[in-house]
Every structure is written in structure tokens, then in C-alpha cells.
């Protein structure tokens, strides 16, 4: 079975992590776009396994959660009229939970913005934590039942509710400019959260990094994901690279090192090694049979 050289695979993964499009990667690396897509799938599956196996028993103090919007194949309002829309087409929400101190991406989930998705990410977050934490979310109502179901009373939980004003005018600025935040409310929901630390600033900054460094999140372009599975795999690769391979400028170590779940800096070679470890055993080839001469 043909396999790309290690250096070539690392080069492709590095460009994927830096937000390059798949077609530009295929041109720069001089490989087929199908090769890039296949490697993305393999890397995504490997990174999902790395996160599931490694990000466990996390000792944290403050967790911040948020959701970031994108879409697959077509925006939700256009799915009904889209031609051959696949499963998963429409709005896609990425739920994130980050440790405010170590900047570790503790948990994430790709789904819709429903209460069911909130329950999935909260259950996953609870399973990865080693101790009681202070939890802050935005004012999305789906969090209330999800946090109660996952943590019960074993959490100090508050919501940061932002108040927005209307945008005046009828020009292009109304379409492209967000509404002005006119105030915030900090609401205690469970336990005894420290109001001074009720904040979503770190997770919102993380959402900005996701949007800036993942081509699939770029607004007003044709770079959006066409398949939900590829969207999930691209995010899994990005989060593994962020947690384990990239040194945080403020911390001067990776988030995984700051959180104590690894003692060394990873590289993309480690992700390639995981890909190879998860690859199925090659099937034995049948006996060679010499073609008979028909003359």
C-alpha cells in the first residue's frame, strides 16, 4: 500500500492547522486533493482518540463555556432548496469548554444548539474533570438543565448574560456590524461562584482563534465545510494541535503541559504516529498467477 512520506504528511497537517484550504494544500504539497481529504479523515480520527484518551482527570479551577456558529453545505434557511443536501447540512454549532487558567480545551462537541447538545458537552466535561470547578456560561437557556443533569450540586455555576442594543440605520453596516453590548448581568445558578471570576472572556477569545485559524469558519466565502464529518475532523485536528503542539505565548508552554496532562511538547509527528498506530493491518495479497499466453 502506498503511503506518503512522514515529512509530506507533517507538511499537509501543518497547513491544515494553519487554516490553508484543501485545494491550496494540494497545489503546494503537489498531491491530489483526495489525498489531502483522506489524511484529514485519518488525522481527525486519531485526534479524537488522543483527546478522549489523554484529556482526563483535569485539575481545574475555572471553566468557561460557549458556542460558535458555522454551517455545512448550506445555511439552514437554504437547505430546503439546496440540491442533494447531505445529512448534517445546515447550521452547525461547536460547543467549547476551556480552562481559564491553563487555556486547555477540556471538552468540545459539534452539533446543533439544542438542549440535547448542551447535555452531551456537559456530561463529557464532567467526566474529564478531577475536582469541583467554578463554571461560567453565557445566558443560553439550554445550559441550565444540562449543567444540573451533569453536575447536580457539585459545581459553582453562574451565567454571564449580555444585554444588546439595536443597530440604527439601514445601510450595509447593519448587516455586517454586530449589535452593541449595552451591559451584562452575572446570575448565580448553583453553589457559590466567585462573582469576580464570572467571565467568558477566555472562551470567547478561543472562539476568535477558531474562526481565524480554521478556513471552514471564514465568513462570506465558499470555504465552508461541504461534509459534516470533514468539519468534525478538521476541528479535532485543530484542538489536538492547540492543546499539545503549539506553545501558548502567555503560558510559554502548551495548554496540555500547563494542565499537567503531559510533560513534554508534542509535534505533528506524534499525531502521524497515532494515525499509523490506528491504521488497519494490511490484508495479505493473493498468490501471483502468471497470465497464460493466449497465442
Protein backbone atom coordinates (compact mmCIF):
# COMPACT_ATOMS: atom_id res chain seq x y z
CA UNK A 1 0.00 0.00 0.00
CA UNK A 2 1.34 3.40 -0.97
CA UNK A 3 1.91 5.82 1.90
CA UNK A 4 3.12 9.41 1.85
CA UNK A 5 6.48 10.13 3.43
CA UNK A 6 6.42 11.36 7.02
CA UNK A 7 7.69 14.81 6.08
CA UNK A 8 4.97 15.21 3.44
CA UNK A 9 2.21 14.19 5.86
CA UNK A 10 3.52 16.56 8.51
CA UNK A 11 3.62 19.36 5.94
CA UNK A 12 -0.01 18.76 4.95
CA UNK A 13 -1.20 18.59 8.56
CA UNK A 14 0.70 21.77 9.43
CA UNK A 15 -1.03 23.65 6.63
CA UNK A 16 -4.41 22.30 7.69
CA UNK A 17 -3.74 23.53 11.23
CA UNK A 18 -2.78 26.98 9.92
CA UNK A 19 -6.07 27.38 8.06
CA UNK A 20 -4.99 26.73 4.47
CA UNK A 21 -7.66 25.45 2.12
CA UNK A 22 -7.53 21.85 0.93
CA UNK A 23 -7.05 22.85 -2.71
CA UNK A 24 -4.20 25.22 -1.91
CA UNK A 25 -2.57 22.46 0.15
CA UNK A 26 -2.88 20.02 -2.74
CA UNK A 27 -1.14 22.52 -5.04
CA UNK A 28 1.65 23.42 -2.59
CA UNK A 29 2.32 19.86 -1.47
CA UNK A 30 1.90 18.53 -5.03
CA UNK A 31 -0.59 15.84 -4.04
CA UNK A 32 -4.14 15.03 -5.05
CA UNK A 33 -6.91 16.80 -3.15
CA UNK A 34 -8.30 13.33 -2.41
CA UNK A 35 -5.02 12.58 -0.65
CA UNK A 36 -5.45 15.69 1.50
CA UNK A 37 -9.01 14.72 2.30
CA UNK A 38 -8.04 11.15 3.22
CA UNK A 39 -5.26 12.38 5.51
CA UNK A 40 -7.67 14.84 7.16
CA UNK A 41 -10.06 12.00 7.95
CA UNK A 42 -7.27 9.82 9.35
CA UNK A 43 -5.82 12.68 11.40
CA UNK A 44 -9.26 13.66 12.69
CA UNK A 45 -9.97 10.14 13.91
CA UNK A 46 -6.53 9.96 15.52
CA UNK A 47 -7.00 13.33 17.25
CA UNK A 48 -10.44 12.37 18.54
CA UNK A 49 -8.81 9.32 20.09
CA UNK A 50 -5.93 11.37 21.51
CA UNK A 51 -8.31 13.80 23.17
CA UNK A 52 -10.55 11.06 24.53
CA UNK A 53 -7.64 9.07 25.96
CA UNK A 54 -5.42 11.89 27.21
CA UNK A 55 -7.61 14.75 28.44
CA UNK A 56 -8.72 13.02 31.62
CA UNK A 57 -8.63 13.83 35.36
CA UNK A 58 -8.09 17.51 34.59
CA UNK A 59 -7.49 19.59 37.71
CA UNK A 60 -9.05 22.96 37.02
CA UNK A 61 -10.47 25.87 38.97
CA UNK A 62 -12.46 27.89 36.44
CA UNK A 63 -14.15 26.54 33.32
CA UNK A 64 -15.75 28.79 30.70
CA UNK A 65 -18.16 27.51 28.04
CA UNK A 66 -19.55 28.95 24.84
CA UNK A 67 -20.80 28.03 21.35
CA UNK A 68 -19.54 29.17 17.96
CA UNK A 69 -21.66 29.09 14.79
CA UNK A 70 -20.78 27.83 11.33
CA UNK A 71 -22.64 25.89 8.66
CA UNK A 72 -22.19 22.84 6.47
CA UNK A 73 -23.09 22.65 2.77
CA UNK A 74 -25.69 25.45 3.07
CA UNK A 75 -27.06 27.81 5.66
CA UNK A 76 -30.08 26.47 7.48
CA UNK A 77 -32.52 28.73 5.64
CA UNK A 78 -31.26 27.44 2.27
CA UNK A 79 -31.14 23.71 2.99
CA UNK A 80 -34.70 23.05 1.81
CA UNK A 81 -33.88 24.43 -1.64
CA UNK A 82 -30.33 23.03 -1.83
CA UNK A 83 -29.57 20.36 -4.41
CA UNK A 84 -28.76 16.95 -2.91
CA UNK A 85 -28.10 18.31 0.59
CA UNK A 86 -26.36 15.59 2.65
CA UNK A 87 -27.11 14.62 6.23
CA UNK A 88 -25.80 17.28 8.57
CA UNK A 89 -26.36 20.15 6.16
CA UNK A 90 -27.31 23.48 7.71
CA UNK A 91 -26.24 25.35 10.81
CA UNK A 92 -23.51 23.72 12.89
CA UNK A 93 -22.57 24.78 16.40
CA UNK A 94 -19.27 23.95 18.08
CA UNK A 95 -19.59 23.84 21.88
CA UNK A 96 -16.36 24.54 23.74
CA UNK A 97 -15.26 24.31 27.37
CA UNK A 98 -11.89 25.84 28.24
CA UNK A 99 -9.85 26.03 31.44
CA UNK A 100 -9.43 29.76 32.08
CA UNK A 101 -6.05 29.27 33.82
CA UNK A 102 -4.24 26.75 31.63
CA UNK A 103 -6.20 27.57 28.43
CA UNK A 104 -6.71 23.83 27.90
CA UNK A 105 -9.60 22.88 25.66
CA UNK A 106 -11.12 20.38 28.07
CA UNK A 107 -14.20 19.41 26.08
CA UNK A 108 -15.84 20.19 22.75
CA UNK A 109 -18.77 18.93 20.75
CA UNK A 110 -20.08 19.60 17.24
CA UNK A 111 -23.86 19.58 16.89
CA UNK A 112 -26.84 21.90 16.92
CA UNK A 113 -27.76 24.47 19.60
CA UNK A 114 -30.36 22.32 21.30
CA UNK A 115 -30.63 21.16 24.88
CA UNK A 116 -29.52 17.67 23.80
CA UNK A 117 -26.19 19.02 22.53
CA UNK A 118 -25.77 21.00 25.75
CA UNK A 119 -26.29 17.82 27.78
CA UNK A 120 -23.72 15.92 25.71
CA UNK A 121 -20.98 18.51 26.18
CA UNK A 122 -21.73 18.98 29.90
CA UNK A 123 -21.70 15.22 30.54
CA UNK A 124 -18.40 14.95 28.67
CA UNK A 125 -16.93 17.90 30.57
CA UNK A 126 -17.91 16.44 33.93
CA UNK A 127 -16.30 13.10 33.04
CA UNK A 128 -12.98 14.80 32.28
CA UNK A 129 -12.68 16.88 35.46
CA UNK A 130 -10.97 15.67 38.62
CA UNK A 131 -12.47 18.19 41.05
CA UNK A 132 -15.23 20.71 41.69
CA UNK A 133 -14.93 23.80 39.49
CA UNK A 134 -16.44 27.22 39.01
CA UNK A 135 -18.36 27.13 35.73
CA UNK A 136 -19.42 30.13 33.64
CA UNK A 137 -21.60 30.04 30.55
CA UNK A 138 -23.50 32.61 28.55
CA UNK A 139 -27.24 33.09 29.00
CA UNK A 140 -28.30 30.26 26.67
CA UNK A 141 -31.18 28.51 28.48
CA UNK A 142 -30.10 25.05 27.32
CA UNK A 143 -27.21 25.17 29.80
CA UNK A 144 -29.48 25.26 32.86
CA UNK A 145 -30.85 21.72 32.59
CA UNK A 146 -27.60 20.37 31.13
CA UNK A 147 -25.42 21.63 34.00
CA UNK A 148 -27.95 20.39 36.56
CA UNK A 149 -28.04 16.96 34.95
CA UNK A 150 -24.26 16.60 34.66
CA UNK A 151 -23.03 18.20 37.90
CA UNK A 152 -26.00 18.35 40.23
CA UNK A 153 -24.96 20.43 43.23
CA UNK A 154 -21.26 19.64 42.75
CA UNK A 155 -20.43 22.86 40.89
CA UNK A 156 -20.25 26.61 41.41
CA UNK A 157 -22.19 27.80 38.40
CA UNK A 158 -23.07 31.25 37.11
CA UNK A 159 -24.28 32.69 33.82
CA UNK A 160 -22.99 35.85 32.19
CA UNK A 161 -25.97 37.38 30.39
CA UNK A 162 -25.12 40.08 27.85
CA UNK A 163 -27.60 42.82 27.01
CA UNK A 164 -27.56 44.19 23.45
CA UNK A 165 -28.93 47.35 21.92
CA UNK A 166 -30.35 47.70 18.44
CA UNK A 167 -28.30 48.82 15.43
CA UNK A 168 -29.57 52.00 13.86
CA UNK A 169 -29.66 52.77 10.18
CA UNK A 170 -30.49 50.68 7.16
CA UNK A 171 -27.15 50.59 5.33
CA UNK A 172 -24.55 47.81 4.98
CA UNK A 173 -23.26 48.50 8.48
CA UNK A 174 -26.46 46.99 9.88
CA UNK A 175 -25.74 43.71 8.07
CA UNK A 176 -22.05 43.38 8.88
CA UNK A 177 -21.73 45.02 12.31
CA UNK A 178 -22.77 43.21 15.50
CA UNK A 179 -25.14 44.85 17.92
CA UNK A 180 -23.60 46.94 20.68
CA UNK A 181 -23.34 45.29 24.10
CA UNK A 182 -25.05 47.72 26.47
CA UNK A 183 -24.47 45.79 29.68
CA UNK A 184 -24.07 42.43 31.42
CA UNK A 185 -25.73 40.56 34.23
CA UNK A 186 -23.96 37.97 36.39
CA UNK A 187 -26.51 35.44 37.64
CA UNK A 188 -25.76 32.79 40.27
CA UNK A 189 -27.28 29.45 39.31
CA UNK A 190 -25.70 26.83 41.60
CA UNK A 191 -23.28 26.72 44.52
CA UNK A 192 -21.23 29.74 45.47
CA UNK A 193 -19.39 31.09 42.41
CA UNK A 194 -16.94 33.97 42.87
CA UNK A 195 -18.69 36.80 41.07
CA UNK A 196 -15.34 38.47 40.33
CA UNK A 197 -14.43 35.46 38.17
CA UNK A 198 -17.76 35.10 36.36
CA UNK A 199 -16.47 35.70 32.85
CA UNK A 200 -16.50 34.22 29.36
CA UNK A 201 -13.60 36.32 28.05
CA UNK A 202 -11.15 33.42 27.63
CA UNK A 203 -13.56 31.13 25.81
CA UNK A 204 -14.72 33.97 23.56
CA UNK A 205 -11.09 34.69 22.69
CA UNK A 206 -10.72 30.98 21.94
CA UNK A 207 -13.71 31.21 19.60
CA UNK A 208 -11.97 34.05 17.77
CA UNK A 209 -8.89 31.85 17.34
CA UNK A 210 -11.08 29.04 15.98
CA UNK A 211 -12.65 31.35 13.43
CA UNK A 212 -9.37 32.98 12.42
CA UNK A 213 -7.34 29.77 12.12
CA UNK A 214 -9.87 27.44 10.53
CA UNK A 215 -10.66 28.20 6.93
CA UNK A 216 -14.04 26.48 7.30
CA UNK A 217 -15.23 29.22 9.66
CA UNK A 218 -14.37 32.13 7.35
CA UNK A 219 -17.47 34.23 6.73
CA UNK A 220 -18.82 35.25 3.31
CA UNK A 221 -16.65 32.86 1.30
CA UNK A 222 -17.07 29.44 -0.30
CA UNK A 223 -14.61 27.90 2.19
CA UNK A 224 -17.34 26.41 4.39
CA UNK A 225 -17.45 22.66 5.03
CA UNK A 226 -19.32 20.57 2.50
CA UNK A 227 -19.41 17.44 4.71
CA UNK A 228 -20.14 17.39 8.43
CA UNK A 229 -17.60 14.60 9.03
CA UNK A 230 -14.81 16.71 7.49
CA UNK A 231 -15.87 19.64 9.67
CA UNK A 232 -15.58 17.48 12.78
CA UNK A 233 -12.23 16.03 11.70
CA UNK A 234 -10.79 19.48 10.98
CA UNK A 235 -11.79 20.69 14.44
CA UNK A 236 -10.40 17.58 16.12
CA UNK A 237 -7.05 18.16 14.41
CA UNK A 238 -7.05 21.83 15.35
CA UNK A 239 -7.85 21.20 19.03
CA UNK A 240 -5.19 18.49 19.34
CA UNK A 241 -2.64 20.80 17.72
CA UNK A 242 -3.73 23.65 20.03
CA UNK A 243 -3.63 21.58 23.22
CA UNK A 244 -0.45 19.61 22.64
CA UNK A 245 1.71 21.06 19.85
CA UNK A 246 1.57 24.85 19.99
CA UNK A 247 3.22 26.86 22.75
CA UNK A 248 0.87 29.44 24.25
CA UNK A 249 2.52 32.85 24.18
CA UNK A 250 1.41 33.82 27.69
CA UNK A 251 2.00 30.44 29.35
CA UNK A 252 5.24 29.71 27.44
CA UNK A 253 4.20 26.05 27.39
CA UNK A 254 1.37 24.22 25.68
CA UNK A 255 -2.02 24.16 27.44
CA UNK A 256 -1.63 20.40 27.99
CA UNK A 257 1.71 20.96 29.72
CA UNK A 258 0.25 23.76 31.84
CA UNK A 259 -2.60 21.46 32.87
CA UNK A 260 -0.19 18.66 33.79
CA UNK A 261 -1.58 16.04 31.42
CA UNK A 262 1.73 15.79 29.53
CA UNK A 263 5.30 16.66 30.45
CA UNK A 264 6.68 17.46 27.01
CA UNK A 265 5.99 19.38 23.83
CA UNK A 266 4.28 17.29 21.18
CA UNK A 267 4.77 17.66 17.45
CA UNK A 268 2.73 16.71 14.44
CA UNK A 269 4.97 13.64 14.18
CA UNK A 270 3.16 12.32 17.27
CA UNK A 271 -0.18 12.72 15.54
CA UNK A 272 1.14 10.90 12.46
CA UNK A 273 2.38 8.14 14.77
CA UNK A 274 -1.14 7.82 16.20
CA UNK A 275 -2.54 7.63 12.66
CA UNK A 276 -0.17 4.76 11.88
CA UNK A 277 -0.99 3.02 15.16
CA UNK A 278 -4.71 3.15 14.37
CA UNK A 279 -4.31 2.05 10.74
CA UNK A 280 -5.74 -1.40 9.99
CA UNK A 281 -3.37 -4.22 9.27
CA UNK A 282 -2.75 -4.59 5.52
CA UNK A 283 -4.61 -7.51 4.01
CA UNK A 284 -2.46 -10.33 2.63
CA UNK A 285 -2.20 -10.36 -1.11
CA UNK A 286 -3.28 -13.39 -3.05
CA UNK A 287 -0.77 -15.62 -4.87
CA UNK A 288 0.60 -14.23 -8.08
CA UNK A 289 -0.70 -16.02 -11.11
CA UNK A 290 1.08 -15.74 -14.38
CA UNK A 291 -1.22 -14.84 -17.24
CA UNK A 292 -1.45 -17.66 -19.71
CA UNK A 293 -0.34 -16.97 -23.27
CA UNK A 294 -3.45 -16.89 -25.45
CA UNK A 295 -1.50 -17.37 -28.67
